[in-house]
Amino acid sequence: MKKDPQFDLPIARLSLKTHQFAFELGRAFFEEFDPQGEFIADGDLHADVTLIKTERVITINSHIVGTVRLTCDRSLDEFDHPLDIENRLLVRYGDEPKELDDDVLQVTPETLELNLAQHLYDYIGLALPMKKLHPRFQNEADDDPDATTKLIFSTRPPGEGPDDDEPADPRWAALKNLN
């Protein structure tokens, strides 16, 4: 992704207090990360970012609200999926810039700006469901307890395995009698 200066937080120039930022995340934002729109086709999101700067650490709390345009895995129809995401990112000062953990960054004291675009995109991506179903299919599966759309994972079909009461190996039967 190209570095978009719109998402730069000027951490070097900020005073030691709480600061508020707001970002609009739309089609242009998602095209920077995924030009073909394979992962997220479009979106209309608003991100409120609260930056709390102290001498040793910077805490960045983000709250992202809105909808993203997804493609249904079953019907390939597009639909709007609502999102309401809250995340925290800690930024500390150190000798070299690196990512210490998923939610902890280390920057040098000479770092002037911190670009937040990749973090916002990652938060949105992690909030998406693994199986993207159009709302008409989600309601269908929730209403009917015998629906064929509910998945039950098993290793063997029912009735095709050893009974739980009988041990699989006859040598274990002798050990059962020791009790």
N, C-alpha and C. Protein backbone atom coordinates (compact mmCIF):
# COMPACT_ATOMS: atom_id res chain seq x y z
N MET A 1 0.83 -1.18 0.00
CA MET A 1 0.00 0.00 0.00
C MET A 1 0.87 1.24 0.00
N LYS A 2 0.42 2.27 -0.73
CA LYS A 2 1.10 3.55 -0.69
C LYS A 2 0.82 4.22 0.65
N LYS A 3 1.77 4.96 1.12
CA LYS A 3 1.59 5.63 2.41
C LYS A 3 0.71 6.86 2.22
N ASP A 4 -0.50 6.79 2.74
CA ASP A 4 -1.47 7.87 2.62
C ASP A 4 -1.28 8.81 3.81
N PRO A 5 -0.87 10.07 3.55
CA PRO A 5 -0.62 11.00 4.66
C PRO A 5 -1.87 11.36 5.46
N GLN A 6 -3.06 11.05 4.91
CA GLN A 6 -4.29 11.33 5.63
C GLN A 6 -4.36 10.55 6.94
N PHE A 7 -3.73 9.38 7.00
CA PHE A 7 -3.79 8.52 8.18
C PHE A 7 -2.56 8.64 9.08
N ASP A 8 -1.73 9.64 8.84
CA ASP A 8 -0.55 9.86 9.68
C ASP A 8 -0.93 10.58 10.97
N LEU A 9 -0.46 10.02 12.08
CA LEU A 9 -0.63 10.68 13.38
C LEU A 9 0.70 11.34 13.73
N PRO A 10 0.72 12.65 13.91
CA PRO A 10 1.99 13.36 14.18
C PRO A 10 2.42 13.19 15.64
N ILE A 11 2.91 12.01 15.99
CA ILE A 11 3.18 11.70 17.39
C ILE A 11 4.29 12.55 17.99
N ALA A 12 5.23 13.03 17.19
CA ALA A 12 6.33 13.84 17.73
C ALA A 12 5.86 15.23 18.14
N ARG A 13 4.90 15.80 17.42
CA ARG A 13 4.44 17.15 17.71
C ARG A 13 3.32 17.23 18.74
N LEU A 14 2.78 16.10 19.13
CA LEU A 14 1.66 16.11 20.08
C LEU A 14 2.15 16.31 21.51
N SER A 15 1.37 17.04 22.27
CA SER A 15 1.70 17.26 23.68
C SER A 15 1.27 16.04 24.50
N LEU A 16 1.73 15.99 25.75
CA LEU A 16 1.43 14.86 26.63
C LEU A 16 0.01 15.01 27.20
N LYS A 17 -0.96 14.59 26.42
CA LYS A 17 -2.36 14.62 26.83
C LYS A 17 -3.18 13.76 25.87
N THR A 18 -4.49 13.84 25.95
CA THR A 18 -5.39 13.06 25.09
C THR A 18 -5.74 13.86 23.84
N HIS A 19 -5.68 13.19 22.69
CA HIS A 19 -5.99 13.82 21.40
C HIS A 19 -7.04 12.98 20.68
N GLN A 20 -7.90 13.65 19.91
CA GLN A 20 -8.96 12.98 19.16
C GLN A 20 -8.72 13.14 17.65
N PHE A 21 -8.95 12.05 16.90
CA PHE A 21 -8.85 12.07 15.45
C PHE A 21 -10.06 11.33 14.89
N ALA A 22 -10.45 11.69 13.66
CA ALA A 22 -11.56 11.02 12.99
C ALA A 22 -11.16 10.74 11.55
N PHE A 23 -11.52 9.54 11.07
CA PHE A 23 -11.19 9.13 9.71
C PHE A 23 -12.42 8.54 9.05
N GLU A 24 -12.60 8.82 7.77
CA GLU A 24 -13.65 8.21 6.97
C GLU A 24 -13.00 7.15 6.08
N LEU A 25 -13.53 5.94 6.15
CA LEU A 25 -12.98 4.81 5.40
C LEU A 25 -14.00 4.38 4.37
N GLY A 26 -13.69 4.65 3.11
CA GLY A 26 -14.62 4.32 2.03
C GLY A 26 -13.96 3.48 0.95
N ARG A 27 -14.51 3.54 -0.24
CA ARG A 27 -14.03 2.73 -1.36
C ARG A 27 -12.56 2.98 -1.65
N ALA A 28 -12.12 4.23 -1.64
CA ALA A 28 -10.73 4.55 -1.95
C ALA A 28 -9.77 3.91 -0.93
N PHE A 29 -10.18 3.88 0.32
CA PHE A 29 -9.35 3.26 1.37
C PHE A 29 -9.16 1.78 1.08
N PHE A 30 -10.23 1.06 0.77
CA PHE A 30 -10.14 -0.38 0.54
C PHE A 30 -9.43 -0.70 -0.78
N GLU A 31 -9.55 0.17 -1.79
CA GLU A 31 -8.85 -0.06 -3.05
C GLU A 31 -7.34 0.05 -2.90
N GLU A 32 -6.87 0.81 -1.94
CA GLU A 32 -5.43 0.92 -1.70
C GLU A 32 -4.85 -0.42 -1.25
N PHE A 33 -5.61 -1.18 -0.49
CA PHE A 33 -5.15 -2.47 0.04
C PHE A 33 -5.50 -3.63 -0.88
N ASP A 34 -6.66 -3.57 -1.52
CA ASP A 34 -7.17 -4.68 -2.33
C ASP A 34 -7.79 -4.09 -3.60
N PRO A 35 -6.97 -3.82 -4.63
CA PRO A 35 -7.48 -3.14 -5.83
C PRO A 35 -8.60 -3.90 -6.55
N GLN A 36 -8.60 -5.24 -6.52
CA GLN A 36 -9.65 -6.00 -7.19
C GLN A 36 -10.90 -6.16 -6.32
N GLY A 37 -10.85 -5.82 -5.06
CA GLY A 37 -12.00 -5.93 -4.17
C GLY A 37 -12.36 -7.37 -3.85
N GLU A 38 -11.38 -8.26 -3.82
CA GLU A 38 -11.65 -9.67 -3.55
C GLU A 38 -11.99 -9.92 -2.08
N PHE A 39 -11.37 -9.20 -1.19
CA PHE A 39 -11.59 -9.41 0.24
C PHE A 39 -12.76 -8.55 0.74
N ILE A 40 -12.65 -7.25 0.52
CA ILE A 40 -13.72 -6.31 0.88
C ILE A 40 -13.99 -5.46 -0.36
N ALA A 41 -15.18 -5.55 -0.88
CA ALA A 41 -15.51 -4.85 -2.12
C ALA A 41 -15.62 -3.33 -1.90
N ASP A 42 -16.24 -2.94 -0.81
CA ASP A 42 -16.48 -1.52 -0.55
C ASP A 42 -16.83 -1.36 0.91
N GLY A 43 -16.90 -0.14 1.38
CA GLY A 43 -17.28 0.09 2.76
C GLY A 43 -17.61 1.53 3.01
N ASP A 44 -18.34 1.74 4.06
CA ASP A 44 -18.68 3.08 4.52
C ASP A 44 -18.52 3.06 6.03
N LEU A 45 -17.32 3.39 6.48
CA LEU A 45 -16.99 3.29 7.91
C LEU A 45 -16.47 4.62 8.43
N HIS A 46 -16.68 4.81 9.70
CA HIS A 46 -16.15 5.98 10.40
C HIS A 46 -15.29 5.50 11.57
N ALA A 47 -14.07 6.00 11.65
CA ALA A 47 -13.16 5.60 12.72
C ALA A 47 -12.88 6.79 13.63
N ASP A 48 -13.20 6.64 14.91
CA ASP A 48 -12.84 7.62 15.93
C ASP A 48 -11.62 7.09 16.65
N VAL A 49 -10.55 7.88 16.67
CA VAL A 49 -9.30 7.45 17.28
C VAL A 49 -8.97 8.40 18.42
N THR A 50 -8.71 7.81 19.59
CA THR A 50 -8.30 8.57 20.76
C THR A 50 -6.85 8.20 21.05
N LEU A 51 -5.98 9.18 21.03
CA LEU A 51 -4.56 8.97 21.28
C LEU A 51 -4.21 9.58 22.63
N ILE A 52 -3.69 8.78 23.52
CA ILE A 52 -3.29 9.24 24.85
C ILE A 52 -1.78 9.15 24.90
N LYS A 53 -1.12 10.30 24.95
CA LYS A 53 0.34 10.34 24.93
C LYS A 53 0.88 10.63 26.33
N THR A 54 1.77 9.76 26.78
CA THR A 54 2.51 9.97 28.02
C THR A 54 4.00 9.96 27.69
N GLU A 55 4.83 10.11 28.69
CA GLU A 55 6.27 10.15 28.44
C GLU A 55 6.83 8.82 27.93
N ARG A 56 6.26 7.72 28.38
CA ARG A 56 6.83 6.42 28.05
C ARG A 56 6.06 5.63 26.99
N VAL A 57 4.76 5.86 26.89
CA VAL A 57 3.94 5.05 25.99
C VAL A 57 2.83 5.90 25.38
N ILE A 58 2.40 5.49 24.18
CA ILE A 58 1.27 6.12 23.52
C ILE A 58 0.19 5.05 23.39
N THR A 59 -0.99 5.34 23.88
CA THR A 59 -2.12 4.41 23.78
C THR A 59 -3.07 4.95 22.72
N ILE A 60 -3.37 4.11 21.73
CA ILE A 60 -4.26 4.51 20.65
C ILE A 60 -5.50 3.61 20.70
N ASN A 61 -6.62 4.20 21.08
CA ASN A 61 -7.90 3.48 21.12
C ASN A 61 -8.69 3.85 19.88
N SER A 62 -9.14 2.85 19.15
CA SER A 62 -9.91 3.13 17.93
C SER A 62 -11.28 2.48 18.03
N HIS A 63 -12.27 3.19 17.53
CA HIS A 63 -13.64 2.71 17.48
C HIS A 63 -14.12 2.90 16.04
N ILE A 64 -14.39 1.79 15.36
CA ILE A 64 -14.77 1.81 13.95
C ILE A 64 -16.22 1.34 13.84
N VAL A 65 -17.06 2.15 13.21
CA VAL A 65 -18.48 1.83 13.06
C VAL A 65 -18.88 2.07 11.61
N GLY A 66 -19.72 1.15 11.08
CA GLY A 66 -20.24 1.32 9.74
C GLY A 66 -20.54 -0.01 9.10
N THR A 67 -20.54 -0.03 7.78
CA THR A 67 -20.82 -1.26 7.04
C THR A 67 -19.75 -1.49 5.98
N VAL A 68 -19.52 -2.76 5.67
CA VAL A 68 -18.65 -3.14 4.57
C VAL A 68 -19.46 -3.97 3.58
N ARG A 69 -19.08 -3.89 2.33
CA ARG A 69 -19.77 -4.64 1.26
C ARG A 69 -19.02 -5.94 1.06
N LEU A 70 -19.70 -7.06 1.32
CA LEU A 70 -19.09 -8.38 1.20
C LEU A 70 -19.82 -9.20 0.14
N THR A 71 -19.18 -10.27 -0.28
CA THR A 71 -19.78 -11.20 -1.23
C THR A 71 -20.13 -12.48 -0.49
N CYS A 72 -21.37 -12.92 -0.62
CA CYS A 72 -21.84 -14.13 0.05
C CYS A 72 -21.10 -15.35 -0.49
N ASP A 73 -20.63 -16.20 0.42
CA ASP A 73 -19.93 -17.42 0.03
C ASP A 73 -20.85 -18.43 -0.63
N ARG A 74 -22.14 -18.37 -0.35
CA ARG A 74 -23.07 -19.36 -0.89
C ARG A 74 -23.67 -18.92 -2.22
N SER A 75 -24.18 -17.69 -2.28
CA SER A 75 -24.91 -17.27 -3.47
C SER A 75 -24.13 -16.29 -4.35
N LEU A 76 -23.01 -15.79 -3.88
CA LEU A 76 -22.19 -14.79 -4.57
C LEU A 76 -22.90 -13.45 -4.72
N ASP A 77 -23.98 -13.25 -3.96
CA ASP A 77 -24.65 -11.95 -3.92
C ASP A 77 -23.87 -11.03 -2.99
N GLU A 78 -23.86 -9.75 -3.33
CA GLU A 78 -23.21 -8.78 -2.45
C GLU A 78 -24.22 -8.30 -1.41
N PHE A 79 -23.70 -8.00 -0.20
CA PHE A 79 -24.56 -7.51 0.88
C PHE A 79 -23.75 -6.63 1.80
N ASP A 80 -24.44 -5.79 2.56
CA ASP A 80 -23.78 -4.91 3.52
C ASP A 80 -23.74 -5.61 4.87
N HIS A 81 -22.54 -5.66 5.44
CA HIS A 81 -22.35 -6.30 6.75
C HIS A 81 -22.00 -5.21 7.77
N PRO A 82 -22.77 -5.07 8.85
CA PRO A 82 -22.48 -4.03 9.84
C PRO A 82 -21.28 -4.40 10.71
N LEU A 83 -20.51 -3.39 11.08
CA LEU A 83 -19.35 -3.59 11.96
C LEU A 83 -19.37 -2.55 13.08
N ASP A 84 -18.93 -2.98 14.24
CA ASP A 84 -18.73 -2.11 15.39
C ASP A 84 -17.50 -2.66 16.12
N ILE A 85 -16.35 -2.03 15.92
CA ILE A 85 -15.07 -2.58 16.36
C ILE A 85 -14.39 -1.61 17.33
N GLU A 86 -13.83 -2.16 18.39
CA GLU A 86 -13.01 -1.38 19.32
C GLU A 86 -11.69 -2.10 19.50
N ASN A 87 -10.58 -1.36 19.34
CA ASN A 87 -9.25 -1.94 19.50
C ASN A 87 -8.33 -0.96 20.21
N ARG A 88 -7.28 -1.52 20.78
CA ARG A 88 -6.27 -0.72 21.47
C ARG A 88 -4.90 -1.08 20.92
N LEU A 89 -4.10 -0.07 20.63
CA LEU A 89 -2.73 -0.24 20.15
C LEU A 89 -1.81 0.53 21.09
N LEU A 90 -0.80 -0.15 21.59
CA LEU A 90 0.19 0.50 22.45
C LEU A 90 1.45 0.74 21.65
N VAL A 91 1.99 1.94 21.75
CA VAL A 91 3.21 2.31 21.06
C VAL A 91 4.21 2.75 22.12
N ARG A 92 5.35 2.07 22.14
CA ARG A 92 6.38 2.44 23.12
C ARG A 92 7.65 2.83 22.37
N TYR A 93 8.52 3.49 23.10
CA TYR A 93 9.77 3.95 22.50
C TYR A 93 10.88 2.94 22.79
N GLY A 94 11.75 2.73 21.79
CA GLY A 94 12.84 1.78 21.93
C GLY A 94 13.97 2.12 20.98
N ASP A 95 14.94 1.18 20.87
CA ASP A 95 16.12 1.41 20.05
C ASP A 95 15.85 1.29 18.55
N GLU A 96 14.93 0.38 18.18
CA GLU A 96 14.64 0.16 16.76
C GLU A 96 13.13 -0.02 16.57
N PRO A 97 12.63 0.39 15.40
CA PRO A 97 11.20 0.19 15.16
C PRO A 97 10.90 -1.27 14.84
N LYS A 98 9.94 -1.85 15.57
CA LYS A 98 9.52 -3.22 15.32
C LYS A 98 8.17 -3.46 15.97
N GLU A 99 7.53 -4.55 15.52
CA GLU A 99 6.25 -4.94 16.10
C GLU A 99 6.53 -5.99 17.16
N LEU A 100 6.25 -5.67 18.41
CA LEU A 100 6.53 -6.58 19.52
C LEU A 100 5.44 -7.61 19.72
N ASP A 101 4.22 -7.23 19.43
CA ASP A 101 3.06 -8.09 19.60
C ASP A 101 1.99 -7.59 18.65
N ASP A 102 0.84 -8.27 18.60
CA ASP A 102 -0.23 -7.82 17.73
C ASP A 102 -0.71 -6.42 18.09
N ASP A 103 -0.66 -6.09 19.37
CA ASP A 103 -1.18 -4.80 19.83
C ASP A 103 -0.10 -3.90 20.43
N VAL A 104 1.17 -4.23 20.21
CA VAL A 104 2.26 -3.43 20.77
C VAL A 104 3.29 -3.15 19.69
N LEU A 105 3.56 -1.86 19.46
CA LEU A 105 4.58 -1.43 18.51
C LEU A 105 5.70 -0.74 19.26
N GLN A 106 6.89 -0.84 18.70
CA GLN A 106 8.02 -0.09 19.25
C GLN A 106 8.53 0.84 18.17
N VAL A 107 8.68 2.11 18.49
CA VAL A 107 9.23 3.11 17.56
C VAL A 107 10.41 3.80 18.23
N THR A 108 11.23 4.43 17.42
CA THR A 108 12.37 5.17 17.97
C THR A 108 11.88 6.55 18.42
N PRO A 109 12.60 7.17 19.33
CA PRO A 109 12.20 8.52 19.77
C PRO A 109 12.24 9.56 18.65
N GLU A 110 12.95 9.26 17.56
CA GLU A 110 13.04 10.18 16.43
C GLU A 110 11.86 10.05 15.46
N THR A 111 10.96 9.09 15.69
CA THR A 111 9.81 8.88 14.80
C THR A 111 8.89 10.09 14.88
N LEU A 112 8.62 10.69 13.71
CA LEU A 112 7.79 11.88 13.68
C LEU A 112 6.30 11.56 13.53
N GLU A 113 5.98 10.55 12.69
CA GLU A 113 4.60 10.23 12.41
C GLU A 113 4.38 8.72 12.46
N LEU A 114 3.16 8.35 12.77
CA LEU A 114 2.77 6.94 12.78
C LEU A 114 1.58 6.80 11.86
N ASN A 115 1.73 6.00 10.78
CA ASN A 115 0.64 5.79 9.84
C ASN A 115 -0.28 4.72 10.39
N LEU A 116 -1.55 5.02 10.49
CA LEU A 116 -2.54 4.14 11.12
C LEU A 116 -3.36 3.34 10.11
N ALA A 117 -3.17 3.56 8.82
CA ALA A 117 -4.02 2.93 7.80
C ALA A 117 -3.97 1.41 7.86
N GLN A 118 -2.78 0.82 7.92
CA GLN A 118 -2.66 -0.63 7.94
C GLN A 118 -3.34 -1.23 9.17
N HIS A 119 -3.21 -0.57 10.31
CA HIS A 119 -3.83 -1.07 11.54
C HIS A 119 -5.36 -1.04 11.43
N LEU A 120 -5.91 0.04 10.87
CA LEU A 120 -7.36 0.13 10.71
C LEU A 120 -7.86 -0.96 9.76
N TYR A 121 -7.14 -1.18 8.67
CA TYR A 121 -7.53 -2.22 7.72
C TYR A 121 -7.47 -3.60 8.37
N ASP A 122 -6.45 -3.85 9.17
CA ASP A 122 -6.33 -5.14 9.86
C ASP A 122 -7.46 -5.34 10.86
N TYR A 123 -7.83 -4.30 11.60
CA TYR A 123 -8.92 -4.41 12.56
C TYR A 123 -10.22 -4.78 11.84
N ILE A 124 -10.46 -4.16 10.69
CA ILE A 124 -11.67 -4.44 9.92
C ILE A 124 -11.64 -5.88 9.41
N GLY A 125 -10.51 -6.30 8.88
CA GLY A 125 -10.38 -7.65 8.36
C GLY A 125 -10.57 -8.71 9.42
N LEU A 126 -10.08 -8.47 10.61
CA LEU A 126 -10.23 -9.43 11.70
C LEU A 126 -11.65 -9.49 12.25
N ALA A 127 -12.42 -8.45 12.03
CA ALA A 127 -13.80 -8.42 12.54
C ALA A 127 -14.79 -9.09 11.59
N LEU A 128 -14.35 -9.41 10.38
CA LEU A 128 -15.25 -10.05 9.41
C LEU A 128 -15.48 -11.50 9.79
N PRO A 129 -16.66 -12.03 9.49
CA PRO A 129 -16.92 -13.44 9.80
C PRO A 129 -16.13 -14.35 8.86
N MET A 130 -15.79 -15.54 9.35
CA MET A 130 -15.07 -16.50 8.51
C MET A 130 -15.94 -16.93 7.33
N LYS A 131 -17.20 -17.21 7.61
CA LYS A 131 -18.13 -17.60 6.57
C LYS A 131 -19.06 -16.43 6.32
N LYS A 132 -18.96 -15.87 5.15
CA LYS A 132 -19.75 -14.69 4.82
C LYS A 132 -21.07 -15.12 4.19
N LEU A 133 -22.14 -15.06 4.96
CA LEU A 133 -23.46 -15.45 4.49
C LEU A 133 -24.36 -14.24 4.38
N HIS A 134 -25.09 -14.18 3.29
CA HIS A 134 -26.09 -13.14 3.10
C HIS A 134 -27.08 -13.22 4.25
N PRO A 135 -27.63 -12.11 4.73
CA PRO A 135 -28.56 -12.16 5.87
C PRO A 135 -29.76 -13.08 5.66
N ARG A 136 -30.20 -13.27 4.43
CA ARG A 136 -31.35 -14.17 4.22
C ARG A 136 -30.99 -15.62 4.55
N PHE A 137 -29.74 -16.01 4.42
CA PHE A 137 -29.32 -17.36 4.78
C PHE A 137 -29.05 -17.48 6.28
N GLN A 138 -28.59 -16.41 6.91
CA GLN A 138 -28.34 -16.44 8.34
C GLN A 138 -29.64 -16.63 9.11
N ASN A 139 -30.69 -15.94 8.72
CA ASN A 139 -31.99 -16.07 9.39
C ASN A 139 -32.57 -17.46 9.17
N GLU A 140 -32.39 -18.01 7.98
CA GLU A 140 -32.90 -19.34 7.68
C GLU A 140 -32.26 -20.39 8.58
N ALA A 141 -30.98 -20.31 8.80
CA ALA A 141 -30.29 -21.29 9.63
C ALA A 141 -30.63 -21.11 11.11
N ASP A 142 -30.90 -19.89 11.54
CA ASP A 142 -31.21 -19.64 12.95
C ASP A 142 -32.63 -20.06 13.32
N ASP A 143 -33.58 -19.95 12.37
CA ASP A 143 -34.98 -20.25 12.67
C ASP A 143 -35.30 -21.73 12.70
N ASP A 144 -34.68 -22.50 11.83
CA ASP A 144 -35.01 -23.92 11.69
C ASP A 144 -33.95 -24.78 12.37
N PRO A 145 -34.29 -25.43 13.49
CA PRO A 145 -33.27 -26.23 14.17
C PRO A 145 -32.85 -27.47 13.38
N ASP A 146 -33.69 -27.91 12.43
CA ASP A 146 -33.36 -29.08 11.61
C ASP A 146 -32.82 -28.69 10.24
N ALA A 147 -32.42 -27.43 10.09
CA ALA A 147 -31.98 -26.96 8.78
C ALA A 147 -30.73 -27.71 8.33
N THR A 148 -30.67 -27.96 7.05
CA THR A 148 -29.51 -28.67 6.50
C THR A 148 -28.32 -27.73 6.36
N THR A 149 -28.52 -26.44 6.59
CA THR A 149 -27.42 -25.50 6.47
C THR A 149 -26.53 -25.51 7.70
N LYS A 150 -27.01 -26.06 8.81
CA LYS A 150 -26.17 -26.14 10.00
C LYS A 150 -25.14 -27.24 9.81
N LEU A 151 -23.93 -26.95 10.14
CA LEU A 151 -22.86 -27.91 9.96
C LEU A 151 -22.56 -28.62 11.26
N ILE A 152 -22.44 -29.92 11.19
CA ILE A 152 -22.03 -30.71 12.34
C ILE A 152 -20.81 -31.49 11.89
N PHE A 153 -19.70 -31.27 12.56
CA PHE A 153 -18.46 -31.91 12.16
C PHE A 153 -18.28 -33.20 12.94
N SER A 154 -18.00 -34.26 12.23
CA SER A 154 -17.71 -35.53 12.88
C SER A 154 -16.68 -36.26 12.05
N THR A 155 -15.98 -37.17 12.70
CA THR A 155 -14.96 -37.92 11.99
C THR A 155 -15.53 -39.17 11.36
N ARG A 156 -16.61 -39.71 11.90
CA ARG A 156 -17.24 -40.92 11.38
C ARG A 156 -18.75 -40.71 11.29
N PRO A 157 -19.35 -41.35 10.31
CA PRO A 157 -20.81 -41.32 10.29
C PRO A 157 -21.36 -42.11 11.48
N PRO A 158 -22.55 -41.79 11.97
CA PRO A 158 -23.11 -42.50 13.13
C PRO A 158 -23.25 -43.99 12.83
N GLY A 159 -22.89 -44.82 13.80
CA GLY A 159 -23.03 -46.26 13.69
C GLY A 159 -21.87 -46.96 12.99
N GLU A 160 -20.85 -46.19 12.57
CA GLU A 160 -19.72 -46.80 11.87
C GLU A 160 -18.45 -46.74 12.70
N GLY A 161 -18.51 -46.96 13.97
CA GLY A 161 -17.31 -46.91 14.77
C GLY A 161 -17.47 -47.78 15.98
N PRO A 162 -16.39 -47.97 16.72
CA PRO A 162 -16.50 -48.78 17.92
C PRO A 162 -17.39 -48.10 18.94
N ASP A 163 -18.14 -48.90 19.67
CA ASP A 163 -19.01 -48.39 20.72
C ASP A 163 -18.14 -47.87 21.85
N ASP A 164 -18.58 -46.82 22.52
CA ASP A 164 -17.78 -46.25 23.61
C ASP A 164 -17.67 -47.19 24.79
N ASP A 165 -18.62 -48.10 24.98
CA ASP A 165 -18.57 -49.02 26.11
C ASP A 165 -17.57 -50.14 25.88
N GLU A 166 -17.33 -50.50 24.62
CA GLU A 166 -16.41 -51.58 24.33
C GLU A 166 -15.05 -51.01 23.96
N PRO A 167 -13.97 -51.48 24.56
CA PRO A 167 -12.66 -50.99 24.18
C PRO A 167 -12.30 -51.46 22.76
N ALA A 168 -11.50 -50.66 22.08
CA ALA A 168 -11.12 -50.98 20.72
C ALA A 168 -10.15 -52.17 20.68
N ASP A 169 -9.38 -52.36 21.71
CA ASP A 169 -8.39 -53.43 21.77
C ASP A 169 -8.75 -54.36 22.93
N PRO A 170 -8.84 -55.69 22.69
CA PRO A 170 -9.25 -56.59 23.77
C PRO A 170 -8.26 -56.63 24.94
N ARG A 171 -7.05 -56.19 24.74
CA ARG A 171 -6.08 -56.17 25.85
C ARG A 171 -6.49 -55.18 26.93
N TRP A 172 -7.24 -54.16 26.55
CA TRP A 172 -7.69 -53.18 27.53
C TRP A 172 -8.83 -53.71 28.38
N ALA A 173 -9.52 -54.72 27.92
CA ALA A 173 -10.63 -55.30 28.68
C ALA A 173 -10.13 -55.87 30.00
N ALA A 174 -8.94 -56.45 30.01
CA ALA A 174 -8.38 -57.00 31.24
C ALA A 174 -8.07 -55.89 32.23
N LEU A 175 -7.69 -54.76 31.76
CA LEU A 175 -7.41 -53.63 32.66
C LEU A 175 -8.69 -53.08 33.28
N LYS A 176 -9.81 -53.14 32.55
CA LYS A 176 -11.08 -52.68 33.10
C LYS A 176 -11.49 -53.51 34.32
N ASN A 177 -11.16 -54.79 34.31
CA ASN A 177 -11.55 -55.68 35.41
C ASN A 177 -10.74 -55.41 36.68
N LEU A 178 -9.64 -54.69 36.60
CA LEU A 178 -8.84 -54.39 37.77
C LEU A 178 -9.56 -53.45 38.73
N ASN A 179 -10.48 -52.67 38.25
CA ASN A 179 -11.23 -51.75 39.10
C ASN A 179 -12.14 -52.56 39.99
